[in-house]
Amino acid sequence: MKTLVSRTLLFLAFLAFWGLRNGLAQSTAAQRVALRVTDLTSQERDNLSLDLQKRGDLRISFACVPAGILILEPINPERSADSVRAMALGALIARLPAQRRTEVALSLTEAEDLCAAARNH
């Protein structure tokens, strides 16, 4: 009986740890804004990066010029997904016209895969 209780507690501790770990990963991913940008140039990426550094609220966490992908994330991880979108919009208006950018649902892994495919094409 004591072994069954110990195993049950160990199993529940594992589930709690796994759920917490996955929940944190998902909340971090939800705070990112992934964009596809038509004809993205290195100069545009660099200028946007400088703008974000001056602002101090967002950073580019991933960029791939050949695939036209930018992933922005907040400096402060406590920000909500909606506030990150609003900050991103404000940062992008001056550098990337709306008709050239589209928000997309991309994980970091998917963005890296698309980038590799674009570079190999």
PDB file of N, CA and C in Angstrom:
ATOM      1  N   MET A   1       0.813  -1.190   0.000  1.00  0.00           N
ATOM      2  CA  MET A   1       0.000   0.000   0.000  1.00  0.00           C
ATOM      3  C   MET A   1       0.861   1.261   0.000  1.00  0.00           C
ATOM      4  N   LYS A   2       1.926   1.254   0.811  1.00  0.00           N
ATOM      5  CA  LYS A   2       2.813   2.410   0.890  1.00  0.00           C
ATOM      6  C   LYS A   2       3.498   2.657  -0.455  1.00  0.00           C
ATOM      7  N   THR A   3       3.845   1.590  -1.161  1.00  0.00           N
ATOM      8  CA  THR A   3       4.479   1.708  -2.475  1.00  0.00           C
ATOM      9  C   THR A   3       3.515   2.327  -3.480  1.00  0.00           C
ATOM     10  N   LEU A   4       2.268   1.945  -3.431  1.00  0.00           N
ATOM     11  CA  LEU A   4       1.266   2.495  -4.341  1.00  0.00           C
ATOM     12  C   LEU A   4       1.099   4.000  -4.116  1.00  0.00           C
ATOM     13  N   VAL A   5       1.074   4.429  -2.868  1.00  0.00           N
ATOM     14  CA  VAL A   5       0.942   5.855  -2.552  1.00  0.00           C
ATOM     15  C   VAL A   5       2.183   6.611  -3.035  1.00  0.00           C
ATOM     16  N   SER A   6       3.356   6.056  -2.817  1.00  0.00           N
ATOM     17  CA  SER A   6       4.595   6.695  -3.260  1.00  0.00           C
ATOM     18  C   SER A   6       4.614   6.831  -4.778  1.00  0.00           C
ATOM     19  N   ARG A   7       4.233   5.782  -5.479  1.00  0.00           N
ATOM     20  CA  ARG A   7       4.208   5.832  -6.950  1.00  0.00           C
ATOM     21  C   ARG A   7       3.180   6.844  -7.447  1.00  0.00           C
ATOM     22  N   THR A   8       2.051   6.888  -6.797  1.00  0.00           N
ATOM     23  CA  THR A   8       1.011   7.832  -7.198  1.00  0.00           C
ATOM     24  C   THR A   8       1.495   9.268  -7.000  1.00  0.00           C
ATOM     25  N   LEU A   9       2.116   9.535  -5.850  1.00  0.00           N
ATOM     26  CA  LEU A   9       2.640  10.876  -5.595  1.00  0.00           C
ATOM     27  C   LEU A   9       3.743  11.247  -6.579  1.00  0.00           C
ATOM     28  N   LEU A  10       4.621  10.324  -6.894  1.00  0.00           N
ATOM     29  CA  LEU A  10       5.682  10.558  -7.858  1.00  0.00           C
ATOM     30  C   LEU A  10       5.095  10.849  -9.238  1.00  0.00           C
ATOM     31  N   PHE A  11       4.091  10.085  -9.628  1.00  0.00           N
ATOM     32  CA  PHE A  11       3.435  10.291 -10.918  1.00  0.00           C
ATOM     33  C   PHE A  11       2.757  11.659 -10.976  1.00  0.00           C
ATOM     34  N   LEU A  12       2.077  12.044  -9.900  1.00  0.00           N
ATOM     35  CA  LEU A  12       1.416  13.348  -9.859  1.00  0.00           C
ATOM     36  C   LEU A  12       2.433  14.489  -9.895  1.00  0.00           C
ATOM     37  N   ALA A  13       3.554  14.313  -9.225  1.00  0.00           N
ATOM     38  CA  ALA A  13       4.609  15.337  -9.264  1.00  0.00           C
ATOM     39  C   ALA A  13       5.158  15.481 -10.676  1.00  0.00           C
ATOM     40  N   PHE A  14       5.341  14.365 -11.354  1.00  0.00           N
ATOM     41  CA  PHE A  14       5.810  14.401 -12.738  1.00  0.00           C
ATOM     42  C   PHE A  14       4.812  15.129 -13.632  1.00  0.00           C
ATOM     43  N   LEU A  15       3.530  14.810 -13.500  1.00  0.00           N
ATOM     44  CA  LEU A  15       2.501  15.469 -14.309  1.00  0.00           C
ATOM     45  C   LEU A  15       2.465  16.973 -14.040  1.00  0.00           C
ATOM     46  N   ALA A  16       2.597  17.359 -12.784  1.00  0.00           N
ATOM     47  CA  ALA A  16       2.578  18.784 -12.443  1.00  0.00           C
ATOM     48  C   ALA A  16       3.779  19.497 -13.053  1.00  0.00           C
ATOM     49  N   PHE A  17       4.957  18.897 -12.956  1.00  0.00           N
ATOM     50  CA  PHE A  17       6.159  19.492 -13.548  1.00  0.00           C
ATOM     51  C   PHE A  17       6.022  19.600 -15.057  1.00  0.00           C
ATOM     52  N   TRP A  18       5.562  18.542 -15.705  1.00  0.00           N
ATOM     53  CA  TRP A  18       5.401  18.524 -17.159  1.00  0.00           C
ATOM     54  C   TRP A  18       4.389  19.572 -17.603  1.00  0.00           C
ATOM     55  N   GLY A  19       3.292  19.681 -16.905  1.00  0.00           N
ATOM     56  CA  GLY A  19       2.269  20.670 -17.242  1.00  0.00           C
ATOM     57  C   GLY A  19       2.774  22.092 -17.064  1.00  0.00           C
ATOM     58  N   LEU A  20       3.508  22.341 -15.993  1.00  0.00           N
ATOM     59  CA  LEU A  20       4.068  23.665 -15.757  1.00  0.00           C
ATOM     60  C   LEU A  20       5.080  24.021 -16.830  1.00  0.00           C
ATOM     61  N   ARG A  21       5.938  23.089 -17.173  1.00  0.00           N
ATOM     62  CA  ARG A  21       6.953  23.334 -18.200  1.00  0.00           C
ATOM     63  C   ARG A  21       6.302  23.637 -19.535  1.00  0.00           C
ATOM     64  N   ASN A  22       5.325  22.855 -19.940  1.00  0.00           N
ATOM     65  CA  ASN A  22       4.641  23.089 -21.212  1.00  0.00           C
ATOM     66  C   ASN A  22       3.831  24.371 -21.181  1.00  0.00           C
ATOM     67  N   GLY A  23       3.228  24.683 -20.067  1.00  0.00           N
ATOM     68  CA  GLY A  23       2.466  25.919 -19.937  1.00  0.00           C
ATOM     69  C   GLY A  23       3.350  27.143 -20.076  1.00  0.00           C
ATOM     70  N   LEU A  24       4.541  27.118 -19.485  1.00  0.00           N
ATOM     71  CA  LEU A  24       5.461  28.234 -19.618  1.00  0.00           C
ATOM     72  C   LEU A  24       5.941  28.380 -21.049  1.00  0.00           C
ATOM     73  N   ALA A  25       6.227  27.284 -21.719  1.00  0.00           N
ATOM     74  CA  ALA A  25       6.666  27.346 -23.115  1.00  0.00           C
ATOM     75  C   ALA A  25       5.574  27.915 -23.995  1.00  0.00           C
ATOM     76  N   GLN A  26       4.329  27.523 -23.756  1.00  0.00           N
ATOM     77  CA  GLN A  26       3.231  28.025 -24.565  1.00  0.00           C
ATOM     78  C   GLN A  26       2.978  29.499 -24.298  1.00  0.00           C
ATOM     79  N   SER A  27       3.080  29.943 -23.047  1.00  0.00           N
ATOM     80  CA  SER A  27       2.825  31.352 -22.769  1.00  0.00           C
ATOM     81  C   SER A  27       3.912  32.226 -23.375  1.00  0.00           C
ATOM     82  N   THR A  28       5.161  31.760 -23.382  1.00  0.00           N
ATOM     83  CA  THR A  28       6.232  32.517 -24.013  1.00  0.00           C
ATOM     84  C   THR A  28       5.992  32.605 -25.507  1.00  0.00           C
ATOM     85  N   ALA A  29       5.610  31.501 -26.126  1.00  0.00           N
ATOM     86  CA  ALA A  29       5.350  31.495 -27.560  1.00  0.00           C
ATOM     87  C   ALA A  29       4.180  32.402 -27.895  1.00  0.00           C
ATOM     88  N   ALA A  30       3.169  32.462 -27.029  1.00  0.00           N
ATOM     89  CA  ALA A  30       1.993  33.291 -27.293  1.00  0.00           C
ATOM     90  C   ALA A  30       2.359  34.771 -27.274  1.00  0.00           C
ATOM     91  N   GLN A  31       3.419  35.159 -26.580  1.00  0.00           N
ATOM     92  CA  GLN A  31       3.831  36.549 -26.512  1.00  0.00           C
ATOM     93  C   GLN A  31       4.619  36.978 -27.733  1.00  0.00           C
ATOM     94  N   ARG A  32       5.031  36.052 -28.546  1.00  0.00           N
ATOM     95  CA  ARG A  32       5.776  36.385 -29.755  1.00  0.00           C
ATOM     96  C   ARG A  32       4.820  36.760 -30.873  1.00  0.00           C
ATOM     97  N   VAL A  33       5.294  37.641 -31.732  1.00  0.00           N
ATOM     98  CA  VAL A  33       4.547  38.003 -32.929  1.00  0.00           C
ATOM     99  C   VAL A  33       5.392  37.576 -34.121  1.00  0.00           C
ATOM    100  N   ALA A  34       4.850  36.653 -34.907  1.00  0.00           N
ATOM    101  CA  ALA A  34       5.552  36.167 -36.099  1.00  0.00           C
ATOM    102  C   ALA A  34       4.949  36.843 -37.321  1.00  0.00           C
ATOM    103  N   LEU A  35       5.821  37.295 -38.201  1.00  0.00           N
ATOM    104  CA  LEU A  35       5.384  38.006 -39.396  1.00  0.00           C
ATOM    105  C   LEU A  35       6.048  37.434 -40.640  1.00  0.00           C
ATOM    106  N   ARG A  36       5.290  37.421 -41.706  1.00  0.00           N
ATOM    107  CA  ARG A  36       5.858  37.173 -43.041  1.00  0.00           C
ATOM    108  C   ARG A  36       5.909  38.534 -43.705  1.00  0.00           C
ATOM    109  N   VAL A  37       7.061  38.886 -44.248  1.00  0.00           N
ATOM    110  CA  VAL A  37       7.255  40.192 -44.866  1.00  0.00           C
ATOM    111  C   VAL A  37       7.705  39.986 -46.310  1.00  0.00           C
ATOM    112  N   THR A  38       6.922  40.508 -47.229  1.00  0.00           N
ATOM    113  CA  THR A  38       7.248  40.402 -48.647  1.00  0.00           C
ATOM    114  C   THR A  38       8.494  41.228 -48.950  1.00  0.00           C
ATOM    115  N   ASP A  39       9.437  40.616 -49.639  1.00  0.00           N
ATOM    116  CA  ASP A  39      10.673  41.289 -50.082  1.00  0.00           C
ATOM    117  C   ASP A  39      11.453  41.934 -48.939  1.00  0.00           C
ATOM    118  N   LEU A  40      11.520  41.253 -47.815  1.00  0.00           N
ATOM    119  CA  LEU A  40      12.291  41.747 -46.676  1.00  0.00           C
ATOM    120  C   LEU A  40      13.766  41.849 -47.055  1.00  0.00           C
ATOM    121  N   THR A  41      14.384  42.961 -46.691  1.00  0.00           N
ATOM    122  CA  THR A  41      15.811  43.133 -46.961  1.00  0.00           C
ATOM    123  C   THR A  41      16.588  43.111 -45.650  1.00  0.00           C
ATOM    124  N   SER A  42      17.875  42.869 -45.756  1.00  0.00           N
ATOM    125  CA  SER A  42      18.742  42.907 -44.573  1.00  0.00           C
ATOM    126  C   SER A  42      18.757  44.300 -43.960  1.00  0.00           C
ATOM    127  N   GLN A  43      18.728  45.309 -44.809  1.00  0.00           N
ATOM    128  CA  GLN A  43      18.728  46.696 -44.324  1.00  0.00           C
ATOM    129  C   GLN A  43      17.466  46.990 -43.516  1.00  0.00           C
ATOM    130  N   GLU A  44      16.317  46.519 -43.993  1.00  0.00           N
ATOM    131  CA  GLU A  44      15.067  46.721 -43.245  1.00  0.00           C
ATOM    132  C   GLU A  44      15.117  46.002 -41.901  1.00  0.00           C
ATOM    133  N   ARG A  45      15.603  44.778 -41.905  1.00  0.00           N
ATOM    134  CA  ARG A  45      15.733  44.024 -40.648  1.00  0.00           C
ATOM    135  C   ARG A  45      16.644  44.756 -39.676  1.00  0.00           C
ATOM    136  N   ASP A  46      17.789  45.239 -40.170  1.00  0.00           N
ATOM    137  CA  ASP A  46      18.746  45.938 -39.309  1.00  0.00           C
ATOM    138  C   ASP A  46      18.174  47.247 -38.775  1.00  0.00           C
ATOM    139  N   ASN A  47      17.486  48.005 -39.641  1.00  0.00           N
ATOM    140  CA  ASN A  47      16.875  49.264 -39.209  1.00  0.00           C
ATOM    141  C   ASN A  47      15.795  49.025 -38.153  1.00  0.00           C
ATOM    142  N   LEU A  48      14.987  47.983 -38.361  1.00  0.00           N
ATOM    143  CA  LEU A  48      13.957  47.653 -37.382  1.00  0.00           C
ATOM    144  C   LEU A  48      14.598  47.236 -36.061  1.00  0.00           C
ATOM    145  N   SER A  49      15.654  46.466 -36.130  1.00  0.00           N
ATOM    146  CA  SER A  49      16.356  46.041 -34.919  1.00  0.00           C
ATOM    147  C   SER A  49      16.874  47.258 -34.141  1.00  0.00           C
ATOM    148  N   LEU A  50      17.444  48.228 -34.845  1.00  0.00           N
ATOM    149  CA  LEU A  50      17.915  49.449 -34.190  1.00  0.00           C
ATOM    150  C   LEU A  50      16.764  50.234 -33.569  1.00  0.00           C
ATOM    151  N   ASP A  51      15.652  50.339 -34.307  1.00  0.00           N
ATOM    152  CA  ASP A  51      14.475  51.020 -33.769  1.00  0.00           C
ATOM    153  C   ASP A  51      14.007  50.361 -32.477  1.00  0.00           C
ATOM    154  N   LEU A  52      13.970  49.030 -32.480  1.00  0.00           N
ATOM    155  CA  LEU A  52      13.505  48.300 -31.297  1.00  0.00           C
ATOM    156  C   LEU A  52      14.454  48.480 -30.127  1.00  0.00           C
ATOM    157  N   GLN A  53      15.763  48.491 -30.409  1.00  0.00           N
ATOM    158  CA  GLN A  53      16.732  48.720 -29.333  1.00  0.00           C
ATOM    159  C   GLN A  53      16.527  50.086 -28.694  1.00  0.00           C
ATOM    160  N   LYS A  54      16.251  51.100 -29.515  1.00  0.00           N
ATOM    161  CA  LYS A  54      16.018  52.453 -28.989  1.00  0.00           C
ATOM    162  C   LYS A  54      14.740  52.500 -28.155  1.00  0.00           C
ATOM    163  N   ARG A  55      13.703  51.817 -28.621  1.00  0.00           N
ATOM    164  CA  ARG A  55      12.427  51.795 -27.893  1.00  0.00           C
ATOM    165  C   ARG A  55      12.567  51.061 -26.568  1.00  0.00           C
ATOM    166  N   GLY A  56      13.249  49.909 -26.606  1.00  0.00           N
ATOM    167  CA  GLY A  56      13.488  49.145 -25.390  1.00  0.00           C
ATOM    168  C   GLY A  56      12.361  48.245 -24.928  1.00  0.00           C
ATOM    169  N   ASP A  57      11.326  48.037 -25.761  1.00  0.00           N
ATOM    170  CA  ASP A  57      10.227  47.185 -25.314  1.00  0.00           C
ATOM    171  C   ASP A  57      10.112  45.871 -26.082  1.00  0.00           C
ATOM    172  N   LEU A  58      10.679  45.809 -27.273  1.00  0.00           N
ATOM    173  CA  LEU A  58      10.648  44.591 -28.103  1.00  0.00           C
ATOM    174  C   LEU A  58      12.032  44.303 -28.646  1.00  0.00           C
ATOM    175  N   ARG A  59      12.206  43.070 -29.095  1.00  0.00           N
ATOM    176  CA  ARG A  59      13.437  42.687 -29.798  1.00  0.00           C
ATOM    177  C   ARG A  59      13.076  41.674 -30.871  1.00  0.00           C
ATOM    178  N   ILE A  60      13.942  41.557 -31.842  1.00  0.00           N
ATOM    179  CA  ILE A  60      13.773  40.522 -32.855  1.00  0.00           C
ATOM    180  C   ILE A  60      14.409  39.258 -32.290  1.00  0.00           C
ATOM    181  N   SER A  61      13.603  38.237 -32.079  1.00  0.00           N
ATOM    182  CA  SER A  61      14.146  36.989 -31.533  1.00  0.00           C
ATOM    183  C   SER A  61      14.555  36.033 -32.650  1.00  0.00           C
ATOM    184  N   PHE A  62      14.016  36.249 -33.857  1.00  0.00           N
ATOM    185  CA  PHE A  62      14.391  35.429 -35.008  1.00  0.00           C
ATOM    186  C   PHE A  62      14.097  36.235 -36.258  1.00  0.00           C
ATOM    187  N   ALA A  63      15.018  36.176 -37.206  1.00  0.00           N
ATOM    188  CA  ALA A  63      14.806  36.834 -38.488  1.00  0.00           C
ATOM    189  C   ALA A  63      15.433  35.986 -39.585  1.00  0.00           C
ATOM    190  N   CYS A  64      14.730  35.891 -40.694  1.00  0.00           N
ATOM    191  CA  CYS A  64      15.255  35.191 -41.856  1.00  0.00           C
ATOM    192  C   CYS A  64      14.871  36.005 -43.088  1.00  0.00           C
ATOM    193  N   VAL A  65      15.846  36.707 -43.632  1.00  0.00           N
ATOM    194  CA  VAL A  65      15.585  37.573 -44.782  1.00  0.00           C
ATOM    195  C   VAL A  65      15.139  36.776 -46.001  1.00  0.00           C
ATOM    196  N   PRO A  66      15.801  35.668 -46.357  1.00  0.00           N
ATOM    197  CA  PRO A  66      15.362  34.951 -47.568  1.00  0.00           C
ATOM    198  C   PRO A  66      13.908  34.470 -47.511  1.00  0.00           C
ATOM    199  N   ALA A  67      13.443  34.087 -46.326  1.00  0.00           N
ATOM    200  CA  ALA A  67      12.063  33.606 -46.180  1.00  0.00           C
ATOM    201  C   ALA A  67      11.104  34.737 -45.807  1.00  0.00           C
ATOM    202  N   GLY A  68      11.641  35.927 -45.507  1.00  0.00           N
ATOM    203  CA  GLY A  68      10.790  37.045 -45.121  1.00  0.00           C
ATOM    204  C   GLY A  68      10.084  36.822 -43.798  1.00  0.00           C
ATOM    205  N   ILE A  69      10.814  36.290 -42.827  1.00  0.00           N
ATOM    206  CA  ILE A  69      10.219  35.987 -41.519  1.00  0.00           C
ATOM    207  C   ILE A  69      10.871  36.835 -40.441  1.00  0.00           C
ATOM    208  N   LEU A  70      10.027  37.428 -39.609  1.00  0.00           N
ATOM    209  CA  LEU A  70      10.474  38.135 -38.415  1.00  0.00           C
ATOM    210  C   LEU A  70       9.659  37.629 -37.235  1.00  0.00           C
ATOM    211  N   ILE A  71      10.326  37.364 -36.132  1.00  0.00           N
ATOM    212  CA  ILE A  71       9.623  37.038 -34.896  1.00  0.00           C
ATOM    213  C   ILE A  71      10.065  38.050 -33.853  1.00  0.00           C
ATOM    214  N   LEU A  72       9.083  38.767 -33.328  1.00  0.00           N
ATOM    215  CA  LEU A  72       9.328  39.786 -32.315  1.00  0.00           C
ATOM    216  C   LEU A  72       8.841  39.276 -30.974  1.00  0.00           C
ATOM    217  N   GLU A  73       9.574  39.642 -29.921  1.00  0.00           N
ATOM    218  CA  GLU A  73       9.144  39.280 -28.576  1.00  0.00           C
ATOM    219  C   GLU A  73       9.429  40.426 -27.628  1.00  0.00           C
ATOM    220  N   PRO A  74       8.691  40.485 -26.535  1.00  0.00           N
ATOM    221  CA  PRO A  74       8.876  41.588 -25.593  1.00  0.00           C
ATOM    222  C   PRO A  74      10.147  41.416 -24.760  1.00  0.00           C
ATOM    223  N   ILE A  75      10.720  42.533 -24.372  1.00  0.00           N
ATOM    224  CA  ILE A  75      11.847  42.513 -23.440  1.00  0.00           C
ATOM    225  C   ILE A  75      11.343  42.050 -22.075  1.00  0.00           C
ATOM    226  N   ASN A  76      10.172  42.529 -21.697  1.00  0.00           N
ATOM    227  CA  ASN A  76       9.546  42.158 -20.428  1.00  0.00           C
ATOM    228  C   ASN A  76       8.622  40.957 -20.671  1.00  0.00           C
ATOM    229  N   PRO A  77       8.974  39.768 -20.187  1.00  0.00           N
ATOM    230  CA  PRO A  77       8.164  38.579 -20.455  1.00  0.00           C
ATOM    231  C   PRO A  77       6.786  38.597 -19.801  1.00  0.00           C
ATOM    232  N   GLU A  78       6.513  39.586 -18.965  1.00  0.00           N
ATOM    233  CA  GLU A  78       5.208  39.686 -18.309  1.00  0.00           C
ATOM    234  C   GLU A  78       4.136  40.300 -19.206  1.00  0.00           C
ATOM    235  N   ARG A  79       4.524  40.782 -20.364  1.00  0.00           N
ATOM    236  CA  ARG A  79       3.579  41.437 -21.273  1.00  0.00           C
ATOM    237  C   ARG A  79       2.565  40.434 -21.809  1.00  0.00           C
ATOM    238  N   SER A  80       1.364  40.915 -22.043  1.00  0.00           N
ATOM    239  CA  SER A  80       0.322  40.074 -22.627  1.00  0.00           C
ATOM    240  C   SER A  80       0.523  39.999 -24.141  1.00  0.00           C
ATOM    241  N   ALA A  81      -0.063  38.991 -24.744  1.00  0.00           N
ATOM    242  CA  ALA A  81       0.040  38.829 -26.196  1.00  0.00           C
ATOM    243  C   ALA A  81      -0.541  40.048 -26.914  1.00  0.00           C
ATOM    244  N   ASP A  82      -1.650  40.592 -26.419  1.00  0.00           N
ATOM    245  CA  ASP A  82      -2.262  41.761 -27.056  1.00  0.00           C
ATOM    246  C   ASP A  82      -1.359  42.990 -26.973  1.00  0.00           C
ATOM    247  N   SER A  83      -0.704  43.185 -25.846  1.00  0.00           N
ATOM    248  CA  SER A  83       0.181  44.345 -25.728  1.00  0.00           C
ATOM    249  C   SER A  83       1.403  44.179 -26.629  1.00  0.00           C
ATOM    250  N   VAL A  84       1.872  42.956 -26.797  1.00  0.00           N
ATOM    251  CA  VAL A  84       3.005  42.704 -27.697  1.00  0.00           C
ATOM    252  C   VAL A  84       2.598  43.039 -29.135  1.00  0.00           C
ATOM    253  N   ARG A  85       1.392  42.644 -29.526  1.00  0.00           N
ATOM    254  CA  ARG A  85       0.907  42.971 -30.876  1.00  0.00           C
ATOM    255  C   ARG A  85       0.821  44.488 -31.074  1.00  0.00           C
ATOM    256  N   ALA A  86       0.311  45.177 -30.087  1.00  0.00           N
ATOM    257  CA  ALA A  86       0.191  46.635 -30.185  1.00  0.00           C
ATOM    258  C   ALA A  86       1.566  47.293 -30.274  1.00  0.00           C
ATOM    259  N   MET A  87       2.507  46.829 -29.468  1.00  0.00           N
ATOM    260  CA  MET A  87       3.862  47.372 -29.524  1.00  0.00           C
ATOM    261  C   MET A  87       4.496  47.075 -30.883  1.00  0.00           C
ATOM    262  N   ALA A  88       4.284  45.860 -31.382  1.00  0.00           N
ATOM    263  CA  ALA A  88       4.851  45.477 -32.680  1.00  0.00           C
ATOM    264  C   ALA A  88       4.281  46.352 -33.786  1.00  0.00           C
ATOM    265  N   LEU A  89       2.996  46.585 -33.748  1.00  0.00           N
ATOM    266  CA  LEU A  89       2.367  47.428 -34.763  1.00  0.00           C
ATOM    267  C   LEU A  89       2.994  48.818 -34.762  1.00  0.00           C
ATOM    268  N   GLY A  90       3.156  49.379 -33.594  1.00  0.00           N
ATOM    269  CA  GLY A  90       3.778  50.696 -33.489  1.00  0.00           C
ATOM    270  C   GLY A  90       5.200  50.716 -34.015  1.00  0.00           C
ATOM    271  N   ALA A  91       5.933  49.662 -33.780  1.00  0.00           N
ATOM    272  CA  ALA A  91       7.323  49.590 -34.228  1.00  0.00           C
ATOM    273  C   ALA A  91       7.430  49.363 -35.734  1.00  0.00           C
ATOM    274  N   LEU A  92       6.470  48.668 -36.301  1.00  0.00           N
ATOM    275  CA  LEU A  92       6.548  48.286 -37.715  1.00  0.00           C
ATOM    276  C   LEU A  92       6.029  49.350 -38.671  1.00  0.00           C
ATOM    277  N   ILE A  93       5.157  50.211 -38.213  1.00  0.00           N
ATOM    278  CA  ILE A  93       4.502  51.177 -39.102  1.00  0.00           C
ATOM    279  C   ILE A  93       5.520  51.977 -39.919  1.00  0.00           C
ATOM    280  N   ALA A  94       6.564  52.455 -39.276  1.00  0.00           N
ATOM    281  CA  ALA A  94       7.534  53.306 -39.965  1.00  0.00           C
ATOM    282  C   ALA A  94       8.433  52.520 -40.927  1.00  0.00           C
ATOM    283  N   ARG A  95       8.642  51.264 -40.672  1.00  0.00           N
ATOM    284  CA  ARG A  95       9.619  50.491 -41.454  1.00  0.00           C
ATOM    285  C   ARG A  95       9.015  49.564 -42.500  1.00  0.00           C
ATOM    286  N   LEU A  96       7.883  48.972 -42.194  1.00  0.00           N
ATOM    287  CA  LEU A  96       7.310  47.961 -43.085  1.00  0.00           C
ATOM    288  C   LEU A  96       5.831  48.258 -43.327  1.00  0.00           C
ATOM    289  N   PRO A  97       5.475  48.699 -44.530  1.00  0.00           N
ATOM    290  CA  PRO A  97       4.076  49.013 -44.817  1.00  0.00           C
ATOM    291  C   PRO A  97       3.167  47.807 -44.604  1.00  0.00           C
ATOM    292  N   ALA A  98       1.938  48.091 -44.217  1.00  0.00           N
ATOM    293  CA  ALA A  98       0.966  47.037 -43.897  1.00  0.00           C
ATOM    294  C   ALA A  98       0.758  46.057 -45.042  1.00  0.00           C
ATOM    295  N   GLN A  99       0.799  46.531 -46.290  1.00  0.00           N
ATOM    296  CA  GLN A  99       0.554  45.626 -47.414  1.00  0.00           C
ATOM    297  C   GLN A  99       1.690  44.628 -47.635  1.00  0.00           C
ATOM    298  N   ARG A 100       2.821  44.835 -46.978  1.00  0.00           N
ATOM    299  CA  ARG A 100       3.947  43.902 -47.125  1.00  0.00           C
ATOM    300  C   ARG A 100       4.074  42.929 -45.962  1.00  0.00           C
ATOM    301  N   ARG A 101       3.331  43.115 -44.895  1.00  0.00           N
ATOM    302  CA  ARG A 101       3.491  42.257 -43.714  1.00  0.00           C
ATOM    303  C   ARG A 101       2.174  41.608 -43.318  1.00  0.00           C
ATOM    304  N   THR A 102       2.317  40.368 -42.864  1.00  0.00           N
ATOM    305  CA  THR A 102       1.164  39.605 -42.411  1.00  0.00           C
ATOM    306  C   THR A 102       1.561  38.845 -41.157  1.00  0.00           C
ATOM    307  N   GLU A 103       0.743  38.944 -40.130  1.00  0.00           N
ATOM    308  CA  GLU A 103       1.003  38.141 -38.938  1.00  0.00           C
ATOM    309  C   GLU A 103       0.632  36.699 -39.238  1.00  0.00           C
ATOM    310  N   VAL A 104       1.493  35.781 -38.848  1.00  0.00           N
ATOM    311  CA  VAL A 104       1.269  34.356 -39.089  1.00  0.00           C
ATOM    312  C   VAL A 104       1.474  33.584 -37.793  1.00  0.00           C
ATOM    313  N   ALA A 105       0.879  32.427 -37.728  1.00  0.00           N
ATOM    314  CA  ALA A 105       1.067  31.544 -36.576  1.00  0.00           C
ATOM    315  C   ALA A 105       2.221  30.597 -36.905  1.00  0.00           C
ATOM    316  N   LEU A 106       3.385  30.929 -36.386  1.00  0.00           N
ATOM    317  CA  LEU A 106       4.581  30.119 -36.611  1.00  0.00           C
ATOM    318  C   LEU A 106       5.299  29.890 -35.291  1.00  0.00           C
ATOM    319  N   SER A 107       5.679  28.656 -35.058  1.00  0.00           N
ATOM    320  CA  SER A 107       6.561  28.387 -33.920  1.00  0.00           C
ATOM    321  C   SER A 107       7.984  28.704 -34.369  1.00  0.00           C
ATOM    322  N   LEU A 108       8.880  28.788 -33.429  1.00  0.00           N
ATOM    323  CA  LEU A 108      10.275  29.034 -33.763  1.00  0.00           C
ATOM    324  C   LEU A 108      10.822  27.911 -34.642  1.00  0.00           C
ATOM    325  N   THR A 109      10.458  26.686 -34.345  1.00  0.00           N
ATOM    326  CA  THR A 109      10.917  25.538 -35.147  1.00  0.00           C
ATOM    327  C   THR A 109      10.403  25.635 -36.574  1.00  0.00           C
ATOM    328  N   GLU A 110       9.130  25.991 -36.729  1.00  0.00           N
ATOM    329  CA  GLU A 110       8.565  26.133 -38.073  1.00  0.00           C
ATOM    330  C   GLU A 110       9.251  27.258 -38.840  1.00  0.00           C
ATOM    331  N   ALA A 111       9.534  28.354 -38.158  1.00  0.00           N
ATOM    332  CA  ALA A 111      10.228  29.475 -38.801  1.00  0.00           C
ATOM    333  C   ALA A 111      11.625  29.060 -39.250  1.00  0.00           C
ATOM    334  N   GLU A 112      12.324  28.316 -38.402  1.00  0.00           N
ATOM    335  CA  GLU A 112      13.662  27.837 -38.767  1.00  0.00           C
ATOM    336  C   GLU A 112      13.604  26.898 -39.963  1.00  0.00           C
ATOM    337  N   ASP A 113      12.603  26.044 -40.009  1.00  0.00           N
ATOM    338  CA  ASP A 113      12.443  25.116 -41.144  1.00  0.00           C
ATOM    339  C   ASP A 113      12.167  25.876 -42.434  1.00  0.00           C
ATOM    340  N   LEU A 114      11.294  26.880 -42.368  1.00  0.00           N
ATOM    341  CA  LEU A 114      10.997  27.687 -43.545  1.00  0.00           C
ATOM    342  C   LEU A 114      12.231  28.451 -44.005  1.00  0.00           C
ATOM    343  N   CYS A 115      13.007  28.916 -43.072  1.00  0.00           N
ATOM    344  CA  CYS A 115      14.229  29.639 -43.378  1.00  0.00           C
ATOM    345  C   CYS A 115      15.231  28.713 -44.088  1.00  0.00           C
ATOM    346  N   ALA A 116      15.395  27.525 -43.545  1.00  0.00           N
ATOM    347  CA  ALA A 116      16.326  26.559 -44.167  1.00  0.00           C
ATOM    348  C   ALA A 116      15.887  26.224 -45.583  1.00  0.00           C
ATOM    349  N   ALA A 117      14.583  26.037 -45.767  1.00  0.00           N
ATOM    350  CA  ALA A 117      14.061  25.721 -47.099  1.00  0.00           C
ATOM    351  C   ALA A 117      14.308  26.880 -48.061  1.00  0.00           C
ATOM    352  N   ALA A 118      14.118  28.113 -47.596  1.00  0.00           N
ATOM    353  CA  ALA A 118      14.340  29.279 -48.461  1.00  0.00           C
ATOM    354  C   ALA A 118      15.807  29.431 -48.822  1.00  0.00           C
ATOM    355  N   ARG A 119      16.678  29.138 -47.895  1.00  0.00           N
ATOM    356  CA  ARG A 119      18.119  29.246 -48.169  1.00  0.00           C
ATOM    357  C   ARG A 119      18.613  28.150 -49.102  1.00  0.00           C
ATOM    358  N   ASN A 120      17.970  26.991 -49.061  1.00  0.00           N
ATOM    359  CA  ASN A 120      18.382  25.875 -49.902  1.00  0.00           C
ATOM    360  C   ASN A 120      17.730  25.893 -51.275  1.00  0.00           C
ATOM    361  N   HIS A 121      16.812  26.806 -51.469  1.00  0.00           N
ATOM    362  CA  HIS A 121      16.072  26.862 -52.737  1.00  0.00           C
ATOM    363  C   HIS A 121      16.762  27.696 -53.753  1.00  0.00           C
TER     364      HIS A 121
END
